[in-house]
PDB file of N, CA and C in Angstrom:
ATOM      1  N   UNK A   1      81.682  88.291 134.342  1.00  0.00           N
ATOM      2  CA  UNK A   1      81.998  89.265 133.211  1.00  0.00           C
ATOM      3  C   UNK A   1      81.174  89.127 132.017  1.00  0.00           C
ATOM      4  N   UNK A   2      80.711  90.218 131.542  1.00  0.00           N
ATOM      5  CA  UNK A   2      80.012  90.180 130.106  1.00  0.00           C
ATOM      6  C   UNK A   2      80.738  89.837 128.985  1.00  0.00           C
ATOM      7  N   UNK A   3      80.206  88.996 128.286  1.00  0.00           N
ATOM      8  CA  UNK A   3      81.066  88.557 126.933  1.00  0.00           C
ATOM      9  C   UNK A   3      81.026  89.634 125.893  1.00  0.00           C
ATOM     10  N   UNK A   4      82.270  89.700 125.166  1.00  0.00           N
ATOM     11  CA  UNK A   4      82.197  90.760 124.068  1.00  0.00           C
ATOM     12  C   UNK A   4      82.475  92.195 124.280  1.00  0.00           C
ATOM     13  N   UNK A   5      82.550  92.692 125.735  1.00  0.00           N
ATOM     14  CA  UNK A   5      82.713  94.023 125.743  1.00  0.00           C
ATOM     15  C   UNK A   5      84.258  94.360 126.236  1.00  0.00           C
ATOM     16  N   UNK A   6      85.061  93.301 126.605  1.00  0.00           N
ATOM     17  CA  UNK A   6      86.351  93.679 126.984  1.00  0.00           C
ATOM     18  C   UNK A   6      87.339  93.671 125.871  1.00  0.00           C
ATOM     19  N   UNK A   7      88.348  94.535 125.906  1.00  0.00           N
ATOM     20  CA  UNK A   7      89.386  94.452 124.719  1.00  0.00           C
ATOM     21  C   UNK A   7      90.209  93.163 124.956  1.00  0.00           C
ATOM     22  N   UNK A   8      90.838  92.788 123.876  1.00  0.00           N
ATOM     23  CA  UNK A   8      91.697  91.619 123.751  1.00  0.00           C
ATOM     24  C   UNK A   8      92.945  92.067 124.538  1.00  0.00           C
ATOM     25  N   UNK A   9      93.390  91.000 125.332  1.00  0.00           N
ATOM     26  CA  UNK A   9      94.484  91.030 126.291  1.00  0.00           C
ATOM     27  C   UNK A   9      95.488  90.128 125.865  1.00  0.00           C
ATOM     28  N   UNK A  10      96.493  90.557 125.406  1.00  0.00           N
ATOM     29  CA  UNK A  10      97.534  89.771 124.691  1.00  0.00           C
ATOM     30  C   UNK A  10      99.219  90.176 125.108  1.00  0.00           C
ATOM     31  N   UNK A  11     100.028  89.541 124.617  1.00  0.00           N
ATOM     32  CA  UNK A  11     101.475  89.737 125.016  1.00  0.00           C
ATOM     33  C   UNK A  11     101.946  90.898 123.929  1.00  0.00           C
ATOM     34  N   UNK A  12     102.747  91.747 124.424  1.00  0.00           N
ATOM     35  CA  UNK A  12     103.455  92.783 123.614  1.00  0.00           C
ATOM     36  C   UNK A  12     104.874  92.735 123.972  1.00  0.00           C
ATOM     37  N   UNK A  13     105.677  93.376 123.275  1.00  0.00           N
ATOM     38  CA  UNK A  13     107.136  93.671 123.554  1.00  0.00           C
ATOM     39  C   UNK A  13     107.363  95.246 123.732  1.00  0.00           C
ATOM     40  N   UNK A  14     107.854  95.478 125.022  1.00  0.00           N
ATOM     41  CA  UNK A  14     108.125  96.964 125.364  1.00  0.00           C
ATOM     42  C   UNK A  14     109.641  97.213 125.286  1.00  0.00           C
ATOM     43  N   UNK A  15     110.045  98.339 124.467  1.00  0.00           N
ATOM     44  CA  UNK A  15     111.422  98.558 124.392  1.00  0.00           C
ATOM     45  C   UNK A  15     111.746 100.003 125.127  1.00  0.00           C
ATOM     46  N   UNK A  16     112.649  99.794 126.128  1.00  0.00           N
ATOM     47  CA  UNK A  16     113.193 100.963 127.023  1.00  0.00           C
ATOM     48  C   UNK A  16     114.084 101.833 126.334  1.00  0.00           C
ATOM     49  N   UNK A  17     114.251 102.977 126.668  1.00  0.00           N
ATOM     50  CA  UNK A  17     114.972 104.077 126.062  1.00  0.00           C
ATOM     51  C   UNK A  17     116.511 103.579 125.798  1.00  0.00           C
ATOM     52  N   UNK A  18     117.101 102.622 126.754  1.00  0.00           N
ATOM     53  CA  UNK A  18     118.422 102.277 126.568  1.00  0.00           C
ATOM     54  C   UNK A  18     118.402 100.824 125.604  1.00  0.00           C
ATOM     55  N   UNK A  19     117.411 100.448 125.013  1.00  0.00           N
ATOM     56  CA  UNK A  19     117.322  99.525 124.045  1.00  0.00           C
ATOM     57  C   UNK A  19     116.983  97.933 124.673  1.00  0.00           C
ATOM     58  N   UNK A  20     116.869  97.954 126.166  1.00  0.00           N
ATOM     59  CA  UNK A  20     116.506  96.578 126.793  1.00  0.00           C
ATOM     60  C   UNK A  20     115.116  96.357 126.338  1.00  0.00           C
ATOM     61  N   UNK A  21     114.540  95.023 126.205  1.00  0.00           N
ATOM     62  CA  UNK A  21     113.311  94.815 126.061  1.00  0.00           C
ATOM     63  C   UNK A  21     112.581  93.857 126.993  1.00  0.00           C
ATOM     64  N   UNK A  22     111.530  93.691 127.168  1.00  0.00           N
ATOM     65  CA  UNK A  22     110.673  92.825 128.026  1.00  0.00           C
ATOM     66  C   UNK A  22     109.306  92.579 127.339  1.00  0.00           C
ATOM     67  N   UNK A  23     108.694  91.395 127.672  1.00  0.00           N
ATOM     68  CA  UNK A  23     107.381  91.220 127.341  1.00  0.00           C
ATOM     69  C   UNK A  23     106.459  91.219 128.455  1.00  0.00           C
ATOM     70  N   UNK A  24     105.312  91.892 128.155  1.00  0.00           N
ATOM     71  CA  UNK A  24     104.248  91.927 129.218  1.00  0.00           C
ATOM     72  C   UNK A  24     102.810  91.763 128.451  1.00  0.00           C
ATOM     73  N   UNK A  25     101.797  91.837 129.234  1.00  0.00           N
ATOM     74  CA  UNK A  25     100.541  91.680 128.611  1.00  0.00           C
ATOM     75  C   UNK A  25      99.836  93.025 128.660  1.00  0.00           C
ATOM     76  N   UNK A  26      99.184  93.416 127.652  1.00  0.00           N
ATOM     77  CA  UNK A  26      98.507  94.546 127.511  1.00  0.00           C
ATOM     78  C   UNK A  26      97.356  94.396 126.462  1.00  0.00           C
ATOM     79  N   UNK A  27      96.536  95.582 126.548  1.00  0.00           N
ATOM     80  CA  UNK A  27      95.479  95.778 125.562  1.00  0.00           C
ATOM     81  C   UNK A  27      95.893  96.650 124.224  1.00  0.00           C
ATOM     82  N   UNK A  28      97.367  97.126 124.370  1.00  0.00           N
ATOM     83  CA  UNK A  28      97.850  97.851 123.402  1.00  0.00           C
ATOM     84  C   UNK A  28      97.983  97.175 122.067  1.00  0.00           C
ATOM     85  N   UNK A  29      97.798  97.727 121.096  1.00  0.00           N
ATOM     86  CA  UNK A  29      97.841  97.239 119.666  1.00  0.00           C
ATOM     87  C   UNK A  29      97.405  95.773 119.447  1.00  0.00           C
ATOM     88  N   UNK A  30      98.035  95.186 118.507  1.00  0.00           N
ATOM     89  CA  UNK A  30      97.655  93.694 118.251  1.00  0.00           C
ATOM     90  C   UNK A  30      98.700  92.715 119.135  1.00  0.00           C
ATOM     91  N   UNK A  31      98.429  91.586 119.186  1.00  0.00           N
ATOM     92  CA  UNK A  31      99.327  90.463 119.806  1.00  0.00           C
ATOM     93  C   UNK A  31     100.628  90.500 118.825  1.00  0.00           C
ATOM     94  N   UNK A  32     101.820  90.759 119.814  1.00  0.00           N
ATOM     95  CA  UNK A  32     103.166  90.868 119.303  1.00  0.00           C
ATOM     96  C   UNK A  32     103.543  92.074 118.946  1.00  0.00           C
ATOM     97  N   UNK A  33     102.761  93.284 119.084  1.00  0.00           N
ATOM     98  CA  UNK A  33     103.036  94.506 118.825  1.00  0.00           C
ATOM     99  C   UNK A  33     104.255  95.071 119.701  1.00  0.00           C
ATOM    100  N   UNK A  34     104.983  95.952 119.225  1.00  0.00           N
ATOM    101  CA  UNK A  34     106.112  96.624 119.977  1.00  0.00           C
ATOM    102  C   UNK A  34     105.762  98.027 120.274  1.00  0.00           C
ATOM    103  N   UNK A  35     106.129  98.293 121.638  1.00  0.00           N
ATOM    104  CA  UNK A  35     105.869  99.576 122.180  1.00  0.00           C
ATOM    105  C   UNK A  35     107.099 100.137 122.561  1.00  0.00           C
ATOM    106  N   UNK A  36     107.609 101.224 121.867  1.00  0.00           N
ATOM    107  CA  UNK A  36     108.907 101.818 122.190  1.00  0.00           C
ATOM    108  C   UNK A  36     108.622 103.034 123.086  1.00  0.00           C
ATOM    109  N   UNK A  37     109.353 103.193 124.122  1.00  0.00           N
ATOM    110  CA  UNK A  37     109.231 104.264 125.078  1.00  0.00           C
ATOM    111  C   UNK A  37     110.056 105.592 124.878  1.00  0.00           C
ATOM    112  N   UNK A  38     109.483 106.696 124.980  1.00  0.00           N
ATOM    113  CA  UNK A  38     110.474 107.835 124.955  1.00  0.00           C
ATOM    114  C   UNK A  38     110.763 108.237 126.338  1.00  0.00           C
ATOM    115  N   UNK A  39     110.064 108.006 127.207  1.00  0.00           N
ATOM    116  CA  UNK A  39     110.391 108.329 128.621  1.00  0.00           C
ATOM    117  C   UNK A  39     110.228 107.028 129.433  1.00  0.00           C
ATOM    118  N   UNK A  40     111.207 106.641 130.361  1.00  0.00           N
ATOM    119  CA  UNK A  40     111.102 105.565 131.228  1.00  0.00           C
ATOM    120  C   UNK A  40     111.704 105.802 132.552  1.00  0.00           C
ATOM    121  N   UNK A  41     111.705 104.913 133.487  1.00  0.00           N
ATOM    122  CA  UNK A  41     112.384 105.148 134.735  1.00  0.00           C
ATOM    123  C   UNK A  41     113.926 105.394 134.649  1.00  0.00           C
ATOM    124  N   UNK A  42     114.432 104.993 133.474  1.00  0.00           N
ATOM    125  CA  UNK A  42     115.913 105.318 133.354  1.00  0.00           C
ATOM    126  C   UNK A  42     116.327 106.581 132.733  1.00  0.00           C
ATOM    127  N   UNK A  43     115.345 107.481 132.226  1.00  0.00           N
ATOM    128  CA  UNK A  43     115.623 108.781 131.778  1.00  0.00           C
ATOM    129  C   UNK A  43     114.897 109.839 132.398  1.00  0.00           C
ATOM    130  N   UNK A  44     113.836 109.637 132.995  1.00  0.00           N
ATOM    131  CA  UNK A  44     112.914 110.610 133.563  1.00  0.00           C
ATOM    132  C   UNK A  44     113.375 111.098 135.055  1.00  0.00           C
ATOM    133  N   UNK A  45     113.617 112.420 135.109  1.00  0.00           N
ATOM    134  CA  UNK A  45     114.247 112.867 136.262  1.00  0.00           C
ATOM    135  C   UNK A  45     113.293 112.623 137.625  1.00  0.00           C
ATOM    136  N   UNK A  46     112.048 112.441 137.464  1.00  0.00           N
ATOM    137  CA  UNK A  46     111.177 111.915 138.576  1.00  0.00           C
ATOM    138  C   UNK A  46     111.656 110.583 139.137  1.00  0.00           C
ATOM    139  N   UNK A  47     112.177 109.866 138.489  1.00  0.00           N
ATOM    140  CA  UNK A  47     112.725 108.486 138.921  1.00  0.00           C
ATOM    141  C   UNK A  47     114.276 108.468 139.294  1.00  0.00           C
ATOM    142  N   UNK A  48     115.045 109.397 138.347  1.00  0.00           N
ATOM    143  CA  UNK A  48     116.439 109.317 138.488  1.00  0.00           C
ATOM    144  C   UNK A  48     116.803 110.241 139.636  1.00  0.00           C
ATOM    145  N   UNK A  49     116.048 111.422 139.955  1.00  0.00           N
ATOM    146  CA  UNK A  49     116.586 112.324 140.866  1.00  0.00           C
ATOM    147  C   UNK A  49     117.537 113.410 140.351  1.00  0.00           C
ATOM    148  N   UNK A  50     117.768 113.262 138.863  1.00  0.00           N
ATOM    149  CA  UNK A  50     118.730 114.250 138.408  1.00  0.00           C
ATOM    150  C   UNK A  50     118.222 114.742 137.230  1.00  0.00           C
ATOM    151  N   UNK A  51     119.112 115.452 136.494  1.00  0.00           N
ATOM    152  CA  UNK A  51     118.590 116.088 135.122  1.00  0.00           C
ATOM    153  C   UNK A  51     118.050 115.205 134.207  1.00  0.00           C
ATOM    154  N   UNK A  52     117.245 115.816 133.490  1.00  0.00           N
ATOM    155  CA  UNK A  52     116.517 115.006 132.337  1.00  0.00           C
ATOM    156  C   UNK A  52     117.570 114.638 131.366  1.00  0.00           C
ATOM    157  N   UNK A  53     117.513 113.378 130.737  1.00  0.00           N
ATOM    158  CA  UNK A  53     118.655 112.765 129.737  1.00  0.00           C
ATOM    159  C   UNK A  53     118.108 113.093 128.496  1.00  0.00           C
ATOM    160  N   UNK A  54     116.803 113.216 128.178  1.00  0.00           N
ATOM    161  CA  UNK A  54     116.196 113.468 126.793  1.00  0.00           C
ATOM    162  C   UNK A  54     116.141 114.856 126.511  1.00  0.00           C
ATOM    163  N   UNK A  55     116.044 115.247 125.179  1.00  0.00           N
ATOM    164  CA  UNK A  55     115.820 116.736 124.858  1.00  0.00           C
ATOM    165  C   UNK A  55     114.557 117.211 125.340  1.00  0.00           C
ATOM    166  N   UNK A  56     114.782 118.503 125.676  1.00  0.00           N
ATOM    167  CA  UNK A  56     113.396 119.234 126.053  1.00  0.00           C
ATOM    168  C   UNK A  56     112.671 119.643 124.786  1.00  0.00           C
ATOM    169  N   UNK A  57     111.465 119.236 124.740  1.00  0.00           N
ATOM    170  CA  UNK A  57     110.769 119.562 123.201  1.00  0.00           C
ATOM    171  C   UNK A  57     109.622 120.382 123.630  1.00  0.00           C
ATOM    172  N   UNK A  58     109.339 120.814 124.997  1.00  0.00           N
ATOM    173  CA  UNK A  58     108.136 121.367 125.430  1.00  0.00           C
ATOM    174  C   UNK A  58     108.122 122.893 125.046  1.00  0.00           C
ATOM    175  N   UNK A  59     107.166 123.541 125.727  1.00  0.00           N
ATOM    176  CA  UNK A  59     106.869 124.896 125.347  1.00  0.00           C
ATOM    177  C   UNK A  59     107.956 125.802 126.016  1.00  0.00           C
ATOM    178  N   UNK A  60     108.521 125.286 127.235  1.00  0.00           N
ATOM    179  CA  UNK A  60     109.530 126.192 128.060  1.00  0.00           C
ATOM    180  C   UNK A  60     110.825 126.198 127.227  1.00  0.00           C
ATOM    181  N   UNK A  61     111.299 125.059 126.557  1.00  0.00           N
ATOM    182  CA  UNK A  61     112.437 125.060 125.891  1.00  0.00           C
ATOM    183  C   UNK A  61     112.267 126.023 124.596  1.00  0.00           C
ATOM    184  N   UNK A  62     111.070 126.046 123.925  1.00  0.00           N
ATOM    185  CA  UNK A  62     110.832 126.877 122.872  1.00  0.00           C
ATOM    186  C   UNK A  62     110.943 128.305 123.251  1.00  0.00           C
ATOM    187  N   UNK A  63     110.429 128.660 124.463  1.00  0.00           N
ATOM    188  CA  UNK A  63     110.463 129.969 124.906  1.00  0.00           C
ATOM    189  C   UNK A  63     111.909 130.468 125.163  1.00  0.00           C
ATOM    190  N   UNK A  64     112.545 129.347 125.864  1.00  0.00           N
ATOM    191  CA  UNK A  64     114.124 129.984 126.082  1.00  0.00           C
ATOM    192  C   UNK A  64     114.788 130.042 124.848  1.00  0.00           C
ATOM    193  N   UNK A  65     114.658 129.204 123.802  1.00  0.00           N
ATOM    194  CA  UNK A  65     115.293 129.472 122.543  1.00  0.00           C
ATOM    195  C   UNK A  65     114.963 130.776 121.937  1.00  0.00           C
ATOM    196  N   UNK A  66     113.634 131.102 121.896  1.00  0.00           N
ATOM    197  CA  UNK A  66     113.244 132.395 121.278  1.00  0.00           C
ATOM    198  C   UNK A  66     113.640 133.647 121.996  1.00  0.00           C
ATOM    199  N   UNK A  67     113.523 133.595 123.500  1.00  0.00           N
ATOM    200  CA  UNK A  67     113.719 134.876 124.229  1.00  0.00           C
ATOM    201  C   UNK A  67     114.929 134.714 125.055  1.00  0.00           C
ATOM    202  N   UNK A  68     115.641 133.708 125.137  1.00  0.00           N
ATOM    203  CA  UNK A  68     116.740 133.478 126.043  1.00  0.00           C
ATOM    204  C   UNK A  68     117.896 134.566 126.042  1.00  0.00           C
ATOM    205  N   UNK A  69     118.062 135.362 124.854  1.00  0.00           N
ATOM    206  CA  UNK A  69     118.856 136.566 124.926  1.00  0.00           C
ATOM    207  C   UNK A  69     118.484 137.628 125.752  1.00  0.00           C
ATOM    208  N   UNK A  70     117.204 137.695 126.113  1.00  0.00           N
ATOM    209  CA  UNK A  70     116.789 138.662 126.716  1.00  0.00           C
ATOM    210  C   UNK A  70     116.671 138.572 128.288  1.00  0.00           C
ATOM    211  N   UNK A  71     117.246 137.571 128.818  1.00  0.00           N
ATOM    212  CA  UNK A  71     117.168 137.168 130.302  1.00  0.00           C
ATOM    213  C   UNK A  71     118.051 138.291 130.869  1.00  0.00           C
ATOM    214  N   UNK A  72     117.715 138.440 132.176  1.00  0.00           N
ATOM    215  CA  UNK A  72     118.320 139.337 133.057  1.00  0.00           C
ATOM    216  C   UNK A  72     119.733 138.949 133.328  1.00  0.00           C
ATOM    217  N   UNK A  73     120.684 139.757 133.336  1.00  0.00           N
ATOM    218  CA  UNK A  73     122.021 139.313 133.784  1.00  0.00           C
ATOM    219  C   UNK A  73     122.230 139.509 135.129  1.00  0.00           C
ATOM    220  N   UNK A  74     122.812 138.505 135.839  1.00  0.00           N
ATOM    221  CA  UNK A  74     122.984 138.526 137.261  1.00  0.00           C
ATOM    222  C   UNK A  74     124.347 139.240 137.457  1.00  0.00           C
ATOM    223  N   UNK A  75     124.428 140.148 138.705  1.00  0.00           N
ATOM    224  CA  UNK A  75     125.515 140.811 138.830  1.00  0.00           C
ATOM    225  C   UNK A  75     126.567 140.245 139.671  1.00  0.00           C
TER     226      UNK A  75
END
């Protein structure tokens, strides 16, 4: 490997959405930095197979809030 072109690889602390923590090695931040996750396998429906546990903050939810009253009523 060439010297001086690779980022520093060090230990950081990762905080999951439920508050559990673990240490891993990464190039994120400085040594000893903390990475707090907003979405992880405990809360994301792609892993849980269920509804999303975190609040929708995307464009779809903004659209629903703004125009939800205009939705078609089912008979």
